[in-house]
C-alpha atoms as a PDB file:
ATOM      1  CA  MET A   1     -30.021  56.605 -35.239  1.00  0.00           C
ATOM      2  CA  THR A   2     -28.000  53.556 -36.250  1.00  0.00           C
ATOM      3  CA  THR A   3     -29.579  50.205 -36.763  1.00  0.00           C
ATOM      4  CA  THR A   4     -28.166  47.044 -35.277  1.00  0.00           C
ATOM      5  CA  PRO A   5     -27.105  44.512 -37.908  1.00  0.00           C
ATOM      6  CA  ALA A   6     -29.211  41.354 -37.959  1.00  0.00           C
ATOM      7  CA  HIS A   7     -26.236  39.021 -38.234  1.00  0.00           C
ATOM      8  CA  PRO A   8     -22.511  38.948 -37.451  1.00  0.00           C
ATOM      9  CA  PRO A   9     -20.257  40.823 -39.890  1.00  0.00           C
ATOM     10  CA  PHE A  10     -18.814  37.713 -41.527  1.00  0.00           C
ATOM     11  CA  ARG A  11     -16.360  38.201 -44.381  1.00  0.00           C
ATOM     12  CA  VAL A  12     -18.136  38.129 -47.753  1.00  0.00           C
ATOM     13  CA  LEU A  13     -16.550  35.568 -50.065  1.00  0.00           C
ATOM     14  CA  LEU A  14     -19.019  35.933 -52.954  1.00  0.00           C
ATOM     15  CA  SER A  15     -21.613  38.666 -53.352  1.00  0.00           C
ATOM     16  CA  ARG A  16     -25.159  37.949 -54.453  1.00  0.00           C
ATOM     17  CA  ASP A  17     -24.456  39.834 -57.702  1.00  0.00           C
ATOM     18  CA  GLN A  18     -21.439  37.626 -58.461  1.00  0.00           C
ATOM     19  CA  ILE A  19     -23.505  34.524 -57.752  1.00  0.00           C
ATOM     20  CA  LEU A  20     -26.394  35.602 -59.974  1.00  0.00           C
ATOM     21  CA  ARG A  21     -24.071  36.495 -62.874  1.00  0.00           C
ATOM     22  CA  ARG A  22     -22.337  33.121 -62.638  1.00  0.00           C
ATOM     23  CA  THR A  23     -25.682  31.306 -62.394  1.00  0.00           C
ATOM     24  CA  HIS A  24     -26.716  32.897 -65.711  1.00  0.00           C
ATOM     25  CA  GLU A  25     -23.476  31.634 -67.284  1.00  0.00           C
ATOM     26  CA  LEU A  26     -24.063  28.128 -65.919  1.00  0.00           C
ATOM     27  CA  ALA A  27     -27.634  28.110 -67.286  1.00  0.00           C
ATOM     28  CA  ARG A  28     -26.315  28.953 -70.764  1.00  0.00           C
ATOM     29  CA  GLN A  29     -23.751  26.122 -70.541  1.00  0.00           C
ATOM     30  CA  ILE A  30     -26.382  23.642 -69.353  1.00  0.00           C
ATOM     31  CA  GLN A  31     -28.754  24.631 -72.167  1.00  0.00           C
ATOM     32  CA  ALA A  32     -25.998  24.247 -74.756  1.00  0.00           C
ATOM     33  CA  ASP A  33     -25.171  20.750 -73.458  1.00  0.00           C
ATOM     34  CA  ALA A  34     -28.755  19.532 -72.937  1.00  0.00           C
ATOM     35  CA  GLY A  35     -29.984  16.656 -75.082  1.00  0.00           C
ATOM     36  CA  ASP A  36     -33.347  16.345 -76.783  1.00  0.00           C
ATOM     37  CA  GLY A  37     -35.440  15.411 -73.752  1.00  0.00           C
ATOM     38  CA  PRO A  38     -36.093  17.653 -70.764  1.00  0.00           C
ATOM     39  CA  LEU A  39     -33.678  17.445 -67.880  1.00  0.00           C
ATOM     40  CA  CYS A  40     -34.730  15.929 -64.591  1.00  0.00           C
ATOM     41  CA  LEU A  41     -33.619  18.525 -62.028  1.00  0.00           C
ATOM     42  CA  VAL A  42     -32.788  17.026 -58.631  1.00  0.00           C
ATOM     43  CA  VAL A  43     -31.901  19.474 -55.888  1.00  0.00           C
ATOM     44  CA  VAL A  44     -30.001  18.403 -52.785  1.00  0.00           C
ATOM     45  CA  ILE A  45     -31.852  20.178 -49.977  1.00  0.00           C
ATOM     46  CA  GLU A  46     -31.774  22.221 -47.855  1.00  0.00           C
ATOM     47  CA  GLY A  47     -28.623  24.105 -48.812  1.00  0.00           C
ATOM     48  CA  ALA A  48     -28.936  23.995 -52.605  1.00  0.00           C
ATOM     49  CA  ARG A  49     -32.554  25.133 -52.786  1.00  0.00           C
ATOM     50  CA  THR A  50     -31.738  28.837 -53.324  1.00  0.00           C
ATOM     51  CA  PHE A  51     -29.199  28.099 -56.069  1.00  0.00           C
ATOM     52  CA  ALA A  52     -31.550  25.559 -57.674  1.00  0.00           C
ATOM     53  CA  ARG A  53     -34.457  28.004 -57.827  1.00  0.00           C
ATOM     54  CA  GLN A  54     -32.277  30.631 -59.484  1.00  0.00           C
ATOM     55  CA  LEU A  55     -31.046  28.121 -62.061  1.00  0.00           C
ATOM     56  CA  GLN A  56     -34.539  26.678 -62.609  1.00  0.00           C
ATOM     57  CA  LYS A  57     -35.872  30.129 -63.596  1.00  0.00           C
ATOM     58  CA  LEU A  58     -33.172  30.430 -66.265  1.00  0.00           C
ATOM     59  CA  LEU A  59     -33.679  27.029 -67.908  1.00  0.00           C
ATOM     60  CA  PRO A  60     -36.381  26.601 -70.580  1.00  0.00           C
ATOM     61  CA  GLY A  61     -39.438  24.428 -70.116  1.00  0.00           C
ATOM     62  CA  HIS A  62     -40.529  25.287 -66.560  1.00  0.00           C
ATOM     63  CA  LEU A  63     -38.806  22.154 -65.280  1.00  0.00           C
ATOM     64  CA  PRO A  64     -39.925  20.932 -61.847  1.00  0.00           C
ATOM     65  CA  LEU A  65     -37.425  20.588 -59.018  1.00  0.00           C
ATOM     66  CA  HIS A  66     -37.325  17.148 -57.407  1.00  0.00           C
ATOM     67  CA  GLU A  67     -35.851  17.196 -53.924  1.00  0.00           C
ATOM     68  CA  VAL A  68     -33.562  14.746 -52.183  1.00  0.00           C
ATOM     69  CA  ARG A  69     -32.028  15.081 -48.774  1.00  0.00           C
ATOM     70  CA  ALA A  70     -28.393  14.131 -48.394  1.00  0.00           C
ATOM     71  CA  SER A  71     -26.161  15.039 -45.513  1.00  0.00           C
ATOM     72  CA  SER A  72     -22.776  14.208 -44.127  1.00  0.00           C
ATOM     73  CA  TYR A  73     -22.445  17.153 -41.714  1.00  0.00           C
ATOM     74  CA  GLY A  74     -24.987  16.620 -38.956  1.00  0.00           C
ATOM     75  CA  SER A  75     -24.655  19.666 -36.698  1.00  0.00           C
ATOM     76  CA  GLY A  76     -20.962  20.351 -37.212  1.00  0.00           C
ATOM     77  CA  THR A  77     -18.707  22.202 -39.627  1.00  0.00           C
ATOM     78  CA  VAL A  78     -16.750  19.129 -40.755  1.00  0.00           C
ATOM     79  CA  SER A  79     -18.121  16.215 -42.788  1.00  0.00           C
ATOM     80  CA  SER A  80     -18.702  13.029 -40.808  1.00  0.00           C
ATOM     81  CA  GLY A  81     -17.680  10.914 -43.806  1.00  0.00           C
ATOM     82  CA  ARG A  82     -21.027   9.077 -43.875  1.00  0.00           C
ATOM     83  CA  VAL A  83     -23.666  10.139 -46.384  1.00  0.00           C
ATOM     84  CA  GLN A  84     -27.305   9.793 -45.395  1.00  0.00           C
ATOM     85  CA  LEU A  85     -29.721   9.866 -48.344  1.00  0.00           C
ATOM     86  CA  THR A  86     -33.465  10.418 -48.136  1.00  0.00           C
ATOM     87  CA  LEU A  87     -35.029  10.024 -51.564  1.00  0.00           C
ATOM     88  CA  GLY A  88     -38.578  10.430 -52.793  1.00  0.00           C
ATOM     89  CA  LYS A  89     -40.088   7.262 -54.220  1.00  0.00           C
ATOM     90  CA  ASP A  90     -41.453   8.982 -57.316  1.00  0.00           C
ATOM     91  CA  LEU A  91     -38.337  10.522 -58.844  1.00  0.00           C
ATOM     92  CA  PRO A  92     -38.752  10.048 -62.616  1.00  0.00           C
ATOM     93  CA  VAL A  93     -35.138   9.212 -63.481  1.00  0.00           C
ATOM     94  CA  ARG A  94     -35.429   6.053 -65.599  1.00  0.00           C
ATOM     95  CA  GLY A  95     -34.168   6.849 -69.114  1.00  0.00           C
ATOM     96  CA  ARG A  96     -33.739  10.546 -68.246  1.00  0.00           C
ATOM     97  CA  ASP A  97     -30.812  12.935 -68.125  1.00  0.00           C
ATOM     98  CA  VAL A  98     -30.529  13.905 -64.458  1.00  0.00           C
ATOM     99  CA  LEU A  99     -28.958  17.180 -63.373  1.00  0.00           C
ATOM    100  CA  LEU A 100     -28.002  17.184 -59.694  1.00  0.00           C
ATOM    101  CA  LEU A 101     -28.090  20.675 -58.204  1.00  0.00           C
ATOM    102  CA  GLU A 102     -25.822  21.091 -55.197  1.00  0.00           C
ATOM    103  CA  ASP A 103     -24.754  24.029 -53.060  1.00  0.00           C
ATOM    104  CA  ILE A 104     -21.214  22.847 -52.352  1.00  0.00           C
ATOM    105  CA  VAL A 105     -19.135  19.801 -53.223  1.00  0.00           C
ATOM    106  CA  ASP A 106     -16.252  19.189 -50.881  1.00  0.00           C
ATOM    107  CA  THR A 107     -15.405  15.527 -50.169  1.00  0.00           C
ATOM    108  CA  GLY A 108     -17.452  14.344 -53.162  1.00  0.00           C
ATOM    109  CA  ARG A 109     -19.128  11.547 -51.199  1.00  0.00           C
ATOM    110  CA  THR A 110     -22.665  12.924 -51.526  1.00  0.00           C
ATOM    111  CA  ILE A 111     -22.479  13.436 -55.292  1.00  0.00           C
ATOM    112  CA  ALA A 112     -20.854  10.029 -55.799  1.00  0.00           C
ATOM    113  CA  ALA A 113     -23.599   8.351 -53.732  1.00  0.00           C
ATOM    114  CA  LEU A 114     -26.378  10.151 -55.623  1.00  0.00           C
ATOM    115  CA  ARG A 115     -24.844   9.390 -59.037  1.00  0.00           C
ATOM    116  CA  GLU A 116     -24.521   5.718 -58.177  1.00  0.00           C
ATOM    117  CA  HIS A 117     -28.109   5.611 -56.916  1.00  0.00           C
ATOM    118  CA  PHE A 118     -29.666   7.336 -59.952  1.00  0.00           C
ATOM    119  CA  LEU A 119     -27.641   5.375 -62.493  1.00  0.00           C
ATOM    120  CA  GLY A 120     -28.725   2.228 -60.655  1.00  0.00           C
ATOM    121  CA  GLU A 121     -32.339   3.409 -61.016  1.00  0.00           C
ATOM    122  CA  GLY A 122     -31.893   3.623 -64.787  1.00  0.00           C
ATOM    123  CA  ALA A 123     -30.991   7.266 -65.392  1.00  0.00           C
ATOM    124  CA  HIS A 124     -29.534   7.802 -68.876  1.00  0.00           C
ATOM    125  CA  SER A 125     -26.936  10.213 -67.467  1.00  0.00           C
ATOM    126  CA  VAL A 126     -26.234  12.072 -64.231  1.00  0.00           C
ATOM    127  CA  ARG A 127     -24.436  15.415 -64.310  1.00  0.00           C
ATOM    128  CA  THR A 128     -23.820  17.899 -61.524  1.00  0.00           C
ATOM    129  CA  ALA A 129     -24.196  21.657 -61.277  1.00  0.00           C
ATOM    130  CA  THR A 130     -22.787  23.028 -58.043  1.00  0.00           C
ATOM    131  CA  LEU A 131     -22.584  26.583 -56.854  1.00  0.00           C
ATOM    132  CA  LEU A 132     -19.335  25.915 -54.978  1.00  0.00           C
ATOM    133  CA  SER A 133     -16.533  23.380 -55.147  1.00  0.00           C
ATOM    134  CA  LYS A 134     -13.763  22.784 -52.596  1.00  0.00           C
ATOM    135  CA  PRO A 135     -11.304  20.609 -54.525  1.00  0.00           C
ATOM    136  CA  SER A 136      -8.803  20.669 -51.648  1.00  0.00           C
ATOM    137  CA  ARG A 137     -11.245  18.575 -49.577  1.00  0.00           C
ATOM    138  CA  ARG A 138     -12.032  15.974 -52.261  1.00  0.00           C
ATOM    139  CA  VAL A 139     -11.646  12.359 -51.134  1.00  0.00           C
ATOM    140  CA  VAL A 140     -13.739  10.810 -53.910  1.00  0.00           C
ATOM    141  CA  PRO A 141     -12.496  11.500 -57.433  1.00  0.00           C
ATOM    142  CA  LEU A 142     -15.317  12.814 -59.592  1.00  0.00           C
ATOM    143  CA  GLU A 143     -16.017  15.122 -62.465  1.00  0.00           C
ATOM    144  CA  LEU A 144     -18.207  18.142 -61.844  1.00  0.00           C
ATOM    145  CA  GLU A 145     -19.674  19.306 -65.121  1.00  0.00           C
ATOM    146  CA  TYR A 146     -20.866  22.762 -64.004  1.00  0.00           C
ATOM    147  CA  VAL A 147     -19.074  24.646 -61.230  1.00  0.00           C
ATOM    148  CA  GLY A 148     -20.004  28.138 -60.145  1.00  0.00           C
ATOM    149  CA  PHE A 149     -16.920  28.908 -58.083  1.00  0.00           C
ATOM    150  CA  GLU A 150     -13.958  27.009 -56.659  1.00  0.00           C
ATOM    151  CA  ILE A 151     -13.328  28.144 -53.107  1.00  0.00           C
ATOM    152  CA  PRO A 152     -10.649  27.558 -50.461  1.00  0.00           C
ATOM    153  CA  ASP A 153     -11.158  25.202 -47.532  1.00  0.00           C
ATOM    154  CA  GLU A 154     -13.307  27.515 -45.412  1.00  0.00           C
ATOM    155  CA  PHE A 155     -16.740  26.861 -43.910  1.00  0.00           C
ATOM    156  CA  VAL A 156     -19.231  29.047 -45.762  1.00  0.00           C
ATOM    157  CA  LEU A 157     -22.791  30.155 -45.125  1.00  0.00           C
ATOM    158  CA  GLY A 158     -25.510  32.157 -46.820  1.00  0.00           C
ATOM    159  CA  PHE A 159     -27.340  31.953 -50.133  1.00  0.00           C
ATOM    160  CA  GLY A 160     -29.174  28.934 -48.724  1.00  0.00           C
ATOM    161  CA  MET A 161     -26.306  27.320 -46.811  1.00  0.00           C
ATOM    162  CA  ASP A 162     -26.528  27.198 -43.037  1.00  0.00           C
ATOM    163  CA  LEU A 163     -25.042  26.081 -39.766  1.00  0.00           C
ATOM    164  CA  ASP A 164     -27.682  24.341 -37.639  1.00  0.00           C
ATOM    165  CA  GLY A 165     -30.406  26.314 -39.424  1.00  0.00           C
ATOM    166  CA  ARG A 166     -28.713  29.680 -38.910  1.00  0.00           C
ATOM    167  CA  TYR A 167     -27.649  32.209 -41.577  1.00  0.00           C
ATOM    168  CA  ARG A 168     -29.349  30.458 -44.523  1.00  0.00           C
ATOM    169  CA  GLU A 169     -31.111  33.744 -45.355  1.00  0.00           C
ATOM    170  CA  LEU A 170     -27.904  35.751 -45.918  1.00  0.00           C
ATOM    171  CA  PRO A 171     -27.872  37.041 -49.517  1.00  0.00           C
ATOM    172  CA  ASP A 172     -24.114  36.549 -49.993  1.00  0.00           C
ATOM    173  CA  VAL A 173     -21.807  33.591 -49.429  1.00  0.00           C
ATOM    174  CA  VAL A 174     -19.832  34.430 -46.298  1.00  0.00           C
ATOM    175  CA  VAL A 175     -17.042  32.742 -44.357  1.00  0.00           C
ATOM    176  CA  TYR A 176     -18.180  31.485 -40.967  1.00  0.00           C
ATOM    177  CA  GLU A 177     -15.870  32.494 -38.138  1.00  0.00           C
ATOM    178  CA  GLN A 178     -16.859  31.453 -34.652  1.00  0.00           C
ATOM    179  CA  ASP A 179     -14.946  34.344 -33.052  1.00  0.00           C
ATOM    180  CA  VAL A 180     -16.869  36.885 -35.155  1.00  0.00           C
ATOM    181  CA  GLU A 181     -20.142  35.236 -34.156  1.00  0.00           C
ATOM    182  CA  ARG A 182     -19.223  35.208 -30.431  1.00  0.00           C
ATOM    183  CA  THR A 183     -18.162  38.862 -30.469  1.00  0.00           C
ATOM    184  CA  PHE A 184     -21.384  39.825 -32.214  1.00  0.00           C
ATOM    185  CA  GLN A 185     -23.495  37.870 -29.702  1.00  0.00           C
ATOM    186  CA  ARG A 186     -21.661  39.454 -26.743  1.00  0.00           C
ATOM    187  CA  GLN A 187     -22.181  42.937 -28.168  1.00  0.00           C
ATOM    188  CA  ALA A 188     -25.843  42.234 -28.923  1.00  0.00           C
ATOM    189  CA  SER A 189     -26.541  40.970 -25.397  1.00  0.00           C
ATOM    190  CA  ALA A 190     -24.763  44.017 -23.893  1.00  0.00           C
ATOM    191  CA  ARG A 191     -27.153  46.421 -25.681  1.00  0.00           C
END
């Protein structure tokens, strides 16, 4: 008896094993660069939560994750160009070294907006660790201190990243293809 797959057979761009190995490497780099005081970890949710939790486990000091919500996608697969930030009022950034944890940096607008905000709130420094970077989509010049993987201009899902709440649970980073999804849905409804 064959089992029906739970999701469309999207092309795997990065396996969970690749991601976890690279996350270990990033944690070592971050530790080597860290100053005397503990880092203030700020995760951009929802998409970066999975990456942030993996990285958090590897950094010393049981550092808490502070969450911010930033979005420029809405319900589509292309950035709207406008960044909406929702920040907690009690983020302890004044005089601290902030490490932004992001799932993917493409246009750079979100990271630029968060850096400007936290520096304006008195952060000593603001660095970024991102699982993925799409330099071909960059419209805001910025330096990313810790990059897991540079990827081509494809819409990706999995390992916490989603499309309208779908596919976040996939263990790998996969390339979203609408035709693959439609074929899968047609086949599933025909069963």
